[in-house]
Amino acid sequence: RDFIKNMITGTSQADCAILIIAAGTGEFEAGISKDGQTREHALLAYTLGVKQLIVAINKMDTAKWAEARYQEIIKETSNFIKKVGYNPKTV
């Protein structure tokens, strides 16, 4: 929550946002949960007018580079960012 003020300040001037998602067990789930920071940052970025989004998945080594984990994160993240207003096909 401490980062939100800085995030809003920077995002309000941005043309594009980079959303970093942690693949670690529990980390992804916490970030994408109802009160999660990943969810909040994506929503704020869109609300502040950032229409271009890049999503990167970090810490795949903690998931032993599992394709299933990667696909799970892609699916869940795509569903969420679509609800926010982004087009998953252009992210």
C-alpha atoms as a PDB file:
ATOM      1  CA  ARG A   1       0.000   0.000   0.000  1.00  0.00           C
ATOM      2  CA  ASP A   2       2.940   2.339   0.529  1.00  0.00           C
ATOM      3  CA  PHE A   3       3.665   2.321  -3.194  1.00  0.00           C
ATOM      4  CA  ILE A   4       0.216   3.421  -4.317  1.00  0.00           C
ATOM      5  CA  LYS A   5       0.883   7.175  -4.049  1.00  0.00           C
ATOM      6  CA  ASN A   6       4.071   6.887  -6.126  1.00  0.00           C
ATOM      7  CA  MET A   7       2.379   4.500  -8.523  1.00  0.00           C
ATOM      8  CA  ILE A   8      -0.466   6.950  -9.143  1.00  0.00           C
ATOM      9  CA  THR A   9       1.931   9.859  -9.654  1.00  0.00           C
ATOM     10  CA  GLY A  10       4.012   7.975 -12.214  1.00  0.00           C
ATOM     11  CA  THR A  11       1.132   6.265 -13.944  1.00  0.00           C
ATOM     12  CA  SER A  12      -0.797   9.473 -14.519  1.00  0.00           C
ATOM     13  CA  GLN A  13       1.986  10.560 -16.904  1.00  0.00           C
ATOM     14  CA  ALA A  14       2.615   7.201 -18.594  1.00  0.00           C
ATOM     15  CA  ASP A  15       1.752   6.023 -22.095  1.00  0.00           C
ATOM     16  CA  CYS A  16       2.351   2.368 -21.243  1.00  0.00           C
ATOM     17  CA  ALA A  17       2.477   0.289 -18.062  1.00  0.00           C
ATOM     18  CA  ILE A  18       4.489  -2.826 -17.255  1.00  0.00           C
ATOM     19  CA  LEU A  19       2.773  -5.216 -14.876  1.00  0.00           C
ATOM     20  CA  ILE A  20       5.167  -7.701 -13.265  1.00  0.00           C
ATOM     21  CA  ILE A  21       3.491 -10.833 -11.940  1.00  0.00           C
ATOM     22  CA  ALA A  22       5.219 -13.172  -9.487  1.00  0.00           C
ATOM     23  CA  ALA A  23       4.748 -16.838 -10.404  1.00  0.00           C
ATOM     24  CA  GLY A  24       5.596 -18.172  -6.947  1.00  0.00           C
ATOM     25  CA  THR A  25       3.000 -20.366  -5.271  1.00  0.00           C
ATOM     26  CA  GLY A  26       0.856 -18.074  -3.173  1.00  0.00           C
ATOM     27  CA  GLU A  27       2.442 -14.902  -4.559  1.00  0.00           C
ATOM     28  CA  PHE A  28       0.410 -14.870  -7.761  1.00  0.00           C
ATOM     29  CA  GLU A  29      -2.755 -15.787  -5.900  1.00  0.00           C
ATOM     30  CA  ALA A  30      -2.213 -12.999  -3.340  1.00  0.00           C
ATOM     31  CA  GLY A  31      -1.549 -10.420  -6.054  1.00  0.00           C
ATOM     32  CA  ILE A  32      -4.588 -11.287  -8.144  1.00  0.00           C
ATOM     33  CA  SER A  33      -6.934 -11.697  -5.151  1.00  0.00           C
ATOM     34  CA  LYS A  34      -9.711  -9.200  -4.464  1.00  0.00           C
ATOM     35  CA  ASP A  35      -7.419  -6.927  -2.424  1.00  0.00           C
ATOM     36  CA  GLY A  36      -4.205  -7.871  -4.230  1.00  0.00           C
ATOM     37  CA  GLN A  37      -1.648  -5.335  -5.396  1.00  0.00           C
ATOM     38  CA  THR A  38      -1.424  -6.767  -8.921  1.00  0.00           C
ATOM     39  CA  ARG A  39      -5.161  -6.354  -9.352  1.00  0.00           C
ATOM     40  CA  GLU A  40      -5.116  -2.870  -7.855  1.00  0.00           C
ATOM     41  CA  HIS A  41      -2.234  -1.665 -10.031  1.00  0.00           C
ATOM     42  CA  ALA A  42      -3.814  -2.912 -13.263  1.00  0.00           C
ATOM     43  CA  LEU A  43      -7.118  -1.271 -12.383  1.00  0.00           C
ATOM     44  CA  LEU A  44      -5.452   2.019 -11.421  1.00  0.00           C
ATOM     45  CA  ALA A  45      -3.377   2.067 -14.608  1.00  0.00           C
ATOM     46  CA  TYR A  46      -6.453   1.650 -16.783  1.00  0.00           C
ATOM     47  CA  THR A  47      -8.468   4.147 -14.758  1.00  0.00           C
ATOM     48  CA  LEU A  48      -5.673   6.716 -15.077  1.00  0.00           C
ATOM     49  CA  GLY A  49      -5.773   6.397 -18.855  1.00  0.00           C
ATOM     50  CA  VAL A  50      -2.920   3.992 -19.571  1.00  0.00           C
ATOM     51  CA  LYS A  51      -4.280   2.012 -22.507  1.00  0.00           C
ATOM     52  CA  GLN A  52      -1.153   0.003 -23.364  1.00  0.00           C
ATOM     53  CA  LEU A  53      -0.077  -2.742 -20.981  1.00  0.00           C
ATOM     54  CA  ILE A  54       2.870  -5.121 -20.962  1.00  0.00           C
ATOM     55  CA  VAL A  55       2.642  -8.114 -18.631  1.00  0.00           C
ATOM     56  CA  ALA A  56       5.756  -9.996 -17.535  1.00  0.00           C
ATOM     57  CA  ILE A  57       5.826 -13.125 -15.396  1.00  0.00           C
ATOM     58  CA  ASN A  58       8.670 -13.179 -12.898  1.00  0.00           C
ATOM     59  CA  LYS A  59      10.010 -15.937 -10.632  1.00  0.00           C
ATOM     60  CA  MET A  60       9.126 -18.818 -12.964  1.00  0.00           C
ATOM     61  CA  ASP A  61      12.140 -20.614 -11.488  1.00  0.00           C
ATOM     62  CA  THR A  62      10.175 -21.023  -8.236  1.00  0.00           C
ATOM     63  CA  ALA A  63       7.560 -22.915 -10.256  1.00  0.00           C
ATOM     64  CA  LYS A  64      10.314 -25.006 -11.848  1.00  0.00           C
ATOM     65  CA  TRP A  65       9.493 -23.410 -15.207  1.00  0.00           C
ATOM     66  CA  ALA A  66       6.229 -25.408 -15.315  1.00  0.00           C
ATOM     67  CA  GLU A  67       4.205 -24.828 -18.480  1.00  0.00           C
ATOM     68  CA  ALA A  68       1.006 -25.567 -16.525  1.00  0.00           C
ATOM     69  CA  ARG A  69       1.767 -22.787 -14.026  1.00  0.00           C
ATOM     70  CA  TYR A  70       2.569 -20.371 -16.862  1.00  0.00           C
ATOM     71  CA  GLN A  71      -0.715 -21.169 -18.634  1.00  0.00           C
ATOM     72  CA  GLU A  72      -2.659 -20.849 -15.366  1.00  0.00           C
ATOM     73  CA  ILE A  73      -1.216 -17.370 -14.802  1.00  0.00           C
ATOM     74  CA  ILE A  74      -1.904 -16.355 -18.418  1.00  0.00           C
ATOM     75  CA  LYS A  75      -5.523 -17.515 -18.159  1.00  0.00           C
ATOM     76  CA  GLU A  76      -6.261 -15.849 -14.819  1.00  0.00           C
ATOM     77  CA  THR A  77      -4.489 -12.617 -15.741  1.00  0.00           C
ATOM     78  CA  SER A  78      -6.178 -12.440 -19.162  1.00  0.00           C
ATOM     79  CA  ASN A  79      -9.598 -12.885 -17.573  1.00  0.00           C
ATOM     80  CA  PHE A  80      -8.929 -10.135 -15.073  1.00  0.00           C
ATOM     81  CA  ILE A  81      -7.412  -7.545 -17.411  1.00  0.00           C
ATOM     82  CA  LYS A  82     -10.306  -8.077 -19.804  1.00  0.00           C
ATOM     83  CA  LYS A  83     -12.727  -7.167 -16.992  1.00  0.00           C
ATOM     84  CA  VAL A  84     -10.659  -4.041 -16.284  1.00  0.00           C
ATOM     85  CA  GLY A  85     -10.943  -2.948 -19.920  1.00  0.00           C
ATOM     86  CA  TYR A  86      -7.734  -4.124 -21.596  1.00  0.00           C
ATOM     87  CA  ASN A  87      -7.831  -6.374 -24.650  1.00  0.00           C
ATOM     88  CA  PRO A  88      -5.801  -9.495 -23.690  1.00  0.00           C
ATOM     89  CA  LYS A  89      -4.908 -10.072 -27.352  1.00  0.00           C
ATOM     90  CA  THR A  90      -3.025  -6.772 -27.506  1.00  0.00           C
ATOM     91  CA  VAL A  91      -1.338  -7.093 -24.106  1.00  0.00           C
END
